[in-house]
Amino acid sequence: MKVSSHYPEGIKYSMFLVDPMSGDVLFGMDNHQPKGPHLHIGKREETYAFTTVEGLIEDFWRRAAERGYQP
């Protein structure tokens, strides 16, 4: 993706952890517009402070582990 005012890092992402039995979203992280980087936690959303791709991946797996997921 090209760097733009909507995607200043030139990165668009969408990562979600879904319960395989119920299909419920346990949490998600994405940066679609117009919201920019944010988290989905249950039915609420909150701003996410994106820093780097590596940090995003670490944050995703840390949050997954906090919810009991073990790869």
PDB file of N, CA and C in Angstrom:
ATOM      1  N   MET A   1       0.845  -1.162   0.000  1.00  0.00           N
ATOM      2  CA  MET A   1       0.000   0.000   0.000  1.00  0.00           C
ATOM      3  C   MET A   1       0.898   1.234   0.000  1.00  0.00           C
ATOM      4  N   LYS A   2       0.494   2.220  -0.725  1.00  0.00           N
ATOM      5  CA  LYS A   2       1.255   3.465  -0.785  1.00  0.00           C
ATOM      6  C   LYS A   2       1.029   4.296   0.478  1.00  0.00           C
ATOM      7  N   VAL A   3       2.059   5.029   0.862  1.00  0.00           N
ATOM      8  CA  VAL A   3       1.928   5.980   1.960  1.00  0.00           C
ATOM      9  C   VAL A   3       0.918   7.046   1.545  1.00  0.00           C
ATOM     10  N   SER A   4      -0.006   7.368   2.454  1.00  0.00           N
ATOM     11  CA  SER A   4      -1.020   8.390   2.177  1.00  0.00           C
ATOM     12  C   SER A   4      -1.405   9.050   3.494  1.00  0.00           C
ATOM     13  N   SER A   5      -2.251  10.043   3.417  1.00  0.00           N
ATOM     14  CA  SER A   5      -2.700  10.693   4.651  1.00  0.00           C
ATOM     15  C   SER A   5      -3.523   9.734   5.510  1.00  0.00           C
ATOM     16  N   HIS A   6      -4.216   8.782   4.882  1.00  0.00           N
ATOM     17  CA  HIS A   6      -4.997   7.795   5.634  1.00  0.00           C
ATOM     18  C   HIS A   6      -4.128   6.678   6.193  1.00  0.00           C
ATOM     19  N   TYR A   7      -3.057   6.352   5.504  1.00  0.00           N
ATOM     20  CA  TYR A   7      -2.153   5.274   5.908  1.00  0.00           C
ATOM     21  C   TYR A   7      -0.721   5.798   5.880  1.00  0.00           C
ATOM     22  N   PRO A   8      -0.337   6.607   6.883  1.00  0.00           N
ATOM     23  CA  PRO A   8       0.973   7.264   6.857  1.00  0.00           C
ATOM     24  C   PRO A   8       2.156   6.300   6.875  1.00  0.00           C
ATOM     25  N   GLU A   9       1.950   5.074   7.381  1.00  0.00           N
ATOM     26  CA  GLU A   9       3.027   4.080   7.373  1.00  0.00           C
ATOM     27  C   GLU A   9       3.020   3.253   6.092  1.00  0.00           C
ATOM     28  N   GLY A  10       1.992   3.430   5.264  1.00  0.00           N
ATOM     29  CA  GLY A  10       1.866   2.626   4.053  1.00  0.00           C
ATOM     30  C   GLY A  10       1.452   1.196   4.354  1.00  0.00           C
ATOM     31  N   ILE A  11       0.757   1.003   5.479  1.00  0.00           N
ATOM     32  CA  ILE A  11       0.365  -0.335   5.929  1.00  0.00           C
ATOM     33  C   ILE A  11      -1.125  -0.332   6.257  1.00  0.00           C
ATOM     34  N   LYS A  12      -1.825  -1.327   5.752  1.00  0.00           N
ATOM     35  CA  LYS A  12      -3.220  -1.544   6.124  1.00  0.00           C
ATOM     36  C   LYS A  12      -3.283  -2.936   6.740  1.00  0.00           C
ATOM     37  N   TYR A  13      -3.912  -3.047   7.913  1.00  0.00           N
ATOM     38  CA  TYR A  13      -3.944  -4.347   8.578  1.00  0.00           C
ATOM     39  C   TYR A  13      -5.315  -4.612   9.189  1.00  0.00           C
ATOM     40  N   SER A  14      -5.580  -5.899   9.385  1.00  0.00           N
ATOM     41  CA  SER A  14      -6.798  -6.358  10.036  1.00  0.00           C
ATOM     42  C   SER A  14      -6.496  -7.733  10.617  1.00  0.00           C
ATOM     43  N   MET A  15      -6.436  -7.817  11.936  1.00  0.00           N
ATOM     44  CA  MET A  15      -6.096  -9.066  12.625  1.00  0.00           C
ATOM     45  C   MET A  15      -7.161  -9.323  13.685  1.00  0.00           C
ATOM     46  N   PHE A  16      -7.777 -10.494  13.649  1.00  0.00           N
ATOM     47  CA  PHE A  16      -8.832 -10.819  14.606  1.00  0.00           C
ATOM     48  C   PHE A  16      -8.627 -12.219  15.157  1.00  0.00           C
ATOM     49  N   LEU A  17      -8.929 -12.398  16.439  1.00  0.00           N
ATOM     50  CA  LEU A  17      -8.927 -13.712  17.066  1.00  0.00           C
ATOM     51  C   LEU A  17     -10.387 -14.092  17.280  1.00  0.00           C
ATOM     52  N   VAL A  18     -10.784 -15.217  16.686  1.00  0.00           N
ATOM     53  CA  VAL A  18     -12.182 -15.651  16.704  1.00  0.00           C
ATOM     54  C   VAL A  18     -12.273 -17.003  17.398  1.00  0.00           C
ATOM     55  N   ASP A  19     -13.232 -17.147  18.296  1.00  0.00           N
ATOM     56  CA  ASP A  19     -13.471 -18.419  18.968  1.00  0.00           C
ATOM     57  C   ASP A  19     -13.971 -19.419  17.928  1.00  0.00           C
ATOM     58  N   PRO A  20     -13.262 -20.542  17.738  1.00  0.00           N
ATOM     59  CA  PRO A  20     -13.660 -21.485  16.689  1.00  0.00           C
ATOM     60  C   PRO A  20     -14.979 -22.205  16.976  1.00  0.00           C
ATOM     61  N   MET A  21     -15.365 -22.273  18.238  1.00  0.00           N
ATOM     62  CA  MET A  21     -16.603 -22.973  18.581  1.00  0.00           C
ATOM     63  C   MET A  21     -17.832 -22.073  18.405  1.00  0.00           C
ATOM     64  N   SER A  22     -17.734 -20.850  18.897  1.00  0.00           N
ATOM     65  CA  SER A  22     -18.906 -19.964  18.874  1.00  0.00           C
ATOM     66  C   SER A  22     -18.906 -18.996  17.699  1.00  0.00           C
ATOM     67  N   GLY A  23     -17.711 -18.749  17.138  1.00  0.00           N
ATOM     68  CA  GLY A  23     -17.598 -17.753  16.078  1.00  0.00           C
ATOM     69  C   GLY A  23     -17.522 -16.327  16.605  1.00  0.00           C
ATOM     70  N   ASP A  24     -17.494 -16.185  17.939  1.00  0.00           N
ATOM     71  CA  ASP A  24     -17.404 -14.852  18.542  1.00  0.00           C
ATOM     72  C   ASP A  24     -16.015 -14.261  18.338  1.00  0.00           C
ATOM     73  N   VAL A  25     -15.966 -12.975  18.049  1.00  0.00           N
ATOM     74  CA  VAL A  25     -14.692 -12.264  17.958  1.00  0.00           C
ATOM     75  C   VAL A  25     -14.221 -11.994  19.380  1.00  0.00           C
ATOM     76  N   LEU A  26     -13.041 -12.521  19.740  1.00  0.00           N
ATOM     77  CA  LEU A  26     -12.487 -12.289  21.067  1.00  0.00           C
ATOM     78  C   LEU A  26     -11.851 -10.908  21.142  1.00  0.00           C
ATOM     79  N   PHE A  27     -11.153 -10.535  20.085  1.00  0.00           N
ATOM     80  CA  PHE A  27     -10.649  -9.176  19.929  1.00  0.00           C
ATOM     81  C   PHE A  27     -10.137  -9.029  18.514  1.00  0.00           C
ATOM     82  N   GLY A  28      -9.958  -7.804  18.104  1.00  0.00           N
ATOM     83  CA  GLY A  28      -9.426  -7.527  16.776  1.00  0.00           C
ATOM     84  C   GLY A  28      -8.631  -6.237  16.780  1.00  0.00           C
ATOM     85  N   MET A  29      -7.775  -6.112  15.773  1.00  0.00           N
ATOM     86  CA  MET A  29      -6.947  -4.922  15.605  1.00  0.00           C
ATOM     87  C   MET A  29      -6.973  -4.571  14.126  1.00  0.00           C
ATOM     88  N   ASP A  30      -7.361  -3.353  13.801  1.00  0.00           N
ATOM     89  CA  ASP A  30      -7.313  -2.943  12.404  1.00  0.00           C
ATOM     90  C   ASP A  30      -7.159  -1.432  12.300  1.00  0.00           C
ATOM     91  N   ASN A  31      -6.986  -0.970  11.071  1.00  0.00           N
ATOM     92  CA  ASN A  31      -6.764   0.463  10.864  1.00  0.00           C
ATOM     93  C   ASN A  31      -7.550   1.010   9.673  1.00  0.00           C
ATOM     94  N   HIS A  32      -8.747   0.453   9.454  1.00  0.00           N
ATOM     95  CA  HIS A  32      -9.548   0.946   8.326  1.00  0.00           C
ATOM     96  C   HIS A  32      -9.954   2.398   8.555  1.00  0.00           C
ATOM     97  N   GLN A  33     -10.254   3.050   7.488  1.00  0.00           N
ATOM     98  CA  GLN A  33     -10.675   4.450   7.555  1.00  0.00           C
ATOM     99  C   GLN A  33     -12.189   4.519   7.668  1.00  0.00           C
ATOM    100  N   PRO A  34     -12.723   5.468   8.348  1.00  0.00           N
ATOM    101  CA  PRO A  34     -12.079   6.685   8.850  1.00  0.00           C
ATOM    102  C   PRO A  34     -11.547   6.558  10.270  1.00  0.00           C
ATOM    103  N   LYS A  35     -11.585   5.377  10.885  1.00  0.00           N
ATOM    104  CA  LYS A  35     -11.231   5.243  12.301  1.00  0.00           C
ATOM    105  C   LYS A  35      -9.734   5.227  12.580  1.00  0.00           C
ATOM    106  N   GLY A  36      -8.928   4.767  11.631  1.00  0.00           N
ATOM    107  CA  GLY A  36      -7.500   4.642  11.902  1.00  0.00           C
ATOM    108  C   GLY A  36      -7.234   3.464  12.832  1.00  0.00           C
ATOM    109  N   PRO A  37      -6.021   3.361  13.403  1.00  0.00           N
ATOM    110  CA  PRO A  37      -5.676   2.219  14.253  1.00  0.00           C
ATOM    111  C   PRO A  37      -6.594   2.123  15.477  1.00  0.00           C
ATOM    112  N   HIS A  38      -7.213   0.954  15.638  1.00  0.00           N
ATOM    113  CA  HIS A  38      -8.087   0.753  16.785  1.00  0.00           C
ATOM    114  C   HIS A  38      -8.244  -0.725  17.098  1.00  0.00           C
ATOM    115  N   LEU A  39      -8.749  -0.988  18.309  1.00  0.00           N
ATOM    116  CA  LEU A  39      -8.992  -2.340  18.800  1.00  0.00           C
ATOM    117  C   LEU A  39     -10.488  -2.595  18.862  1.00  0.00           C
ATOM    118  N   HIS A  40     -10.863  -3.838  18.636  1.00  0.00           N
ATOM    119  CA  HIS A  40     -12.228  -4.312  18.861  1.00  0.00           C
ATOM    120  C   HIS A  40     -12.136  -5.255  20.055  1.00  0.00           C
ATOM    121  N   ILE A  41     -12.812  -4.903  21.134  1.00  0.00           N
ATOM    122  CA  ILE A  41     -12.808  -5.741  22.329  1.00  0.00           C
ATOM    123  C   ILE A  41     -14.267  -5.964  22.699  1.00  0.00           C
ATOM    124  N   GLY A  42     -14.742  -7.167  22.405  1.00  0.00           N
ATOM    125  CA  GLY A  42     -16.168  -7.403  22.573  1.00  0.00           C
ATOM    126  C   GLY A  42     -16.933  -6.480  21.642  1.00  0.00           C
ATOM    127  N   LYS A  43     -17.853  -5.744  22.185  1.00  0.00           N
ATOM    128  CA  LYS A  43     -18.653  -4.822  21.367  1.00  0.00           C
ATOM    129  C   LYS A  43     -18.115  -3.395  21.398  1.00  0.00           C
ATOM    130  N   ARG A  44     -17.030  -3.170  22.128  1.00  0.00           N
ATOM    131  CA  ARG A  44     -16.494  -1.809  22.191  1.00  0.00           C
ATOM    132  C   ARG A  44     -15.232  -1.679  21.347  1.00  0.00           C
ATOM    133  N   GLU A  45     -14.909  -0.453  21.029  1.00  0.00           N
ATOM    134  CA  GLU A  45     -13.704  -0.145  20.266  1.00  0.00           C
ATOM    135  C   GLU A  45     -12.904   0.895  21.028  1.00  0.00           C
ATOM    136  N   GLU A  46     -11.581   0.817  20.897  1.00  0.00           N
ATOM    137  CA  GLU A  46     -10.727   1.837  21.495  1.00  0.00           C
ATOM    138  C   GLU A  46      -9.530   2.080  20.588  1.00  0.00           C
ATOM    139  N   THR A  47      -8.962   3.240  20.700  1.00  0.00           N
ATOM    140  CA  THR A  47      -7.818   3.625  19.880  1.00  0.00           C
ATOM    141  C   THR A  47      -6.631   2.719  20.178  1.00  0.00           C
ATOM    142  N   TYR A  48      -5.875   2.388  19.142  1.00  0.00           N
ATOM    143  CA  TYR A  48      -4.651   1.595  19.286  1.00  0.00           C
ATOM    144  C   TYR A  48      -3.474   2.453  18.842  1.00  0.00           C
ATOM    145  N   ALA A  49      -2.421   2.466  19.641  1.00  0.00           N
ATOM    146  CA  ALA A  49      -1.229   3.267  19.338  1.00  0.00           C
ATOM    147  C   ALA A  49      -0.250   2.433  18.505  1.00  0.00           C
ATOM    148  N   PHE A  50      -0.463   2.423  17.189  1.00  0.00           N
ATOM    149  CA  PHE A  50       0.421   1.685  16.283  1.00  0.00           C
ATOM    150  C   PHE A  50       1.807   2.316  16.304  1.00  0.00           C
ATOM    151  N   THR A  51       2.846   1.450  16.395  1.00  0.00           N
ATOM    152  CA  THR A  51       4.224   1.945  16.318  1.00  0.00           C
ATOM    153  C   THR A  51       4.955   1.317  15.139  1.00  0.00           C
ATOM    154  N   THR A  52       5.025  -0.027  15.144  1.00  0.00           N
ATOM    155  CA  THR A  52       5.711  -0.761  14.080  1.00  0.00           C
ATOM    156  C   THR A  52       4.941  -2.039  13.782  1.00  0.00           C
ATOM    157  N   VAL A  53       5.246  -2.654  12.651  1.00  0.00           N
ATOM    158  CA  VAL A  53       4.628  -3.945  12.318  1.00  0.00           C
ATOM    159  C   VAL A  53       5.018  -4.982  13.366  1.00  0.00           C
ATOM    160  N   GLU A  54       6.286  -4.978  13.760  1.00  0.00           N
ATOM    161  CA  GLU A  54       6.749  -5.931  14.767  1.00  0.00           C
ATOM    162  C   GLU A  54       5.991  -5.746  16.081  1.00  0.00           C
ATOM    163  N   GLY A  55       5.805  -4.484  16.485  1.00  0.00           N
ATOM    164  CA  GLY A  55       5.055  -4.197  17.705  1.00  0.00           C
ATOM    165  C   GLY A  55       3.604  -4.625  17.595  1.00  0.00           C
ATOM    166  N   LEU A  56       3.007  -4.432  16.431  1.00  0.00           N
ATOM    167  CA  LEU A  56       1.629  -4.850  16.184  1.00  0.00           C
ATOM    168  C   LEU A  56       1.488  -6.359  16.372  1.00  0.00           C
ATOM    169  N   ILE A  57       2.399  -7.107  15.782  1.00  0.00           N
ATOM    170  CA  ILE A  57       2.348  -8.571  15.884  1.00  0.00           C
ATOM    171  C   ILE A  57       2.565  -9.016  17.327  1.00  0.00           C
ATOM    172  N   GLU A  58       3.520  -8.406  18.022  1.00  0.00           N
ATOM    173  CA  GLU A  58       3.750  -8.734  19.435  1.00  0.00           C
ATOM    174  C   GLU A  58       2.516  -8.422  20.271  1.00  0.00           C
ATOM    175  N   ASP A  59       1.908  -7.264  20.045  1.00  0.00           N
ATOM    176  CA  ASP A  59       0.699  -6.891  20.784  1.00  0.00           C
ATOM    177  C   ASP A  59      -0.436  -7.872  20.519  1.00  0.00           C
ATOM    178  N   PHE A  60      -0.582  -8.289  19.260  1.00  0.00           N
ATOM    179  CA  PHE A  60      -1.642  -9.235  18.913  1.00  0.00           C
ATOM    180  C   PHE A  60      -1.467 -10.540  19.687  1.00  0.00           C
ATOM    181  N   TRP A  61      -0.260 -11.119  19.653  1.00  0.00           N
ATOM    182  CA  TRP A  61      -0.042 -12.404  20.316  1.00  0.00           C
ATOM    183  C   TRP A  61      -0.085 -12.274  21.837  1.00  0.00           C
ATOM    184  N   ARG A  62       0.328 -11.142  22.389  1.00  0.00           N
ATOM    185  CA  ARG A  62       0.220 -10.919  23.831  1.00  0.00           C
ATOM    186  C   ARG A  62      -1.254 -10.882  24.238  1.00  0.00           C
ATOM    187  N   ARG A  63      -2.057 -10.150  23.491  1.00  0.00           N
ATOM    188  CA  ARG A  63      -3.491 -10.081  23.787  1.00  0.00           C
ATOM    189  C   ARG A  63      -4.159 -11.448  23.608  1.00  0.00           C
ATOM    190  N   ALA A  64      -3.724 -12.197  22.615  1.00  0.00           N
ATOM    191  CA  ALA A  64      -4.268 -13.545  22.414  1.00  0.00           C
ATOM    192  C   ALA A  64      -3.948 -14.429  23.618  1.00  0.00           C
ATOM    193  N   ALA A  65      -2.699 -14.368  24.109  1.00  0.00           N
ATOM    194  CA  ALA A  65      -2.298 -15.163  25.272  1.00  0.00           C
ATOM    195  C   ALA A  65      -3.095 -14.751  26.509  1.00  0.00           C
ATOM    196  N   GLU A  66      -3.357 -13.457  26.661  1.00  0.00           N
ATOM    197  CA  GLU A  66      -4.155 -12.970  27.793  1.00  0.00           C
ATOM    198  C   GLU A  66      -5.563 -13.544  27.774  1.00  0.00           C
ATOM    199  N   ARG A  67      -6.038 -13.916  26.602  1.00  0.00           N
ATOM    200  CA  ARG A  67      -7.380 -14.488  26.468  1.00  0.00           C
ATOM    201  C   ARG A  67      -7.348 -16.010  26.422  1.00  0.00           C
ATOM    202  N   GLY A  68      -6.196 -16.582  26.755  1.00  0.00           N
ATOM    203  CA  GLY A  68      -6.088 -18.030  26.866  1.00  0.00           C
ATOM    204  C   GLY A  68      -5.667 -18.755  25.609  1.00  0.00           C
ATOM    205  N   TYR A  69      -5.405 -18.024  24.520  1.00  0.00           N
ATOM    206  CA  TYR A  69      -4.994 -18.682  23.280  1.00  0.00           C
ATOM    207  C   TYR A  69      -3.525 -19.047  23.354  1.00  0.00           C
ATOM    208  N   GLN A  70      -3.217 -20.294  22.990  1.00  0.00           N
ATOM    209  CA  GLN A  70      -1.840 -20.758  22.920  1.00  0.00           C
ATOM    210  C   GLN A  70      -1.644 -21.466  21.589  1.00  0.00           C
ATOM    211  N   PRO A  71      -0.769 -20.904  20.739  1.00  0.00           N
ATOM    212  CA  PRO A  71      -0.560 -21.532  19.415  1.00  0.00           C
ATOM    213  C   PRO A  71       0.109 -22.892  19.518  1.00  0.00           C
TER     214      PRO A  71
END
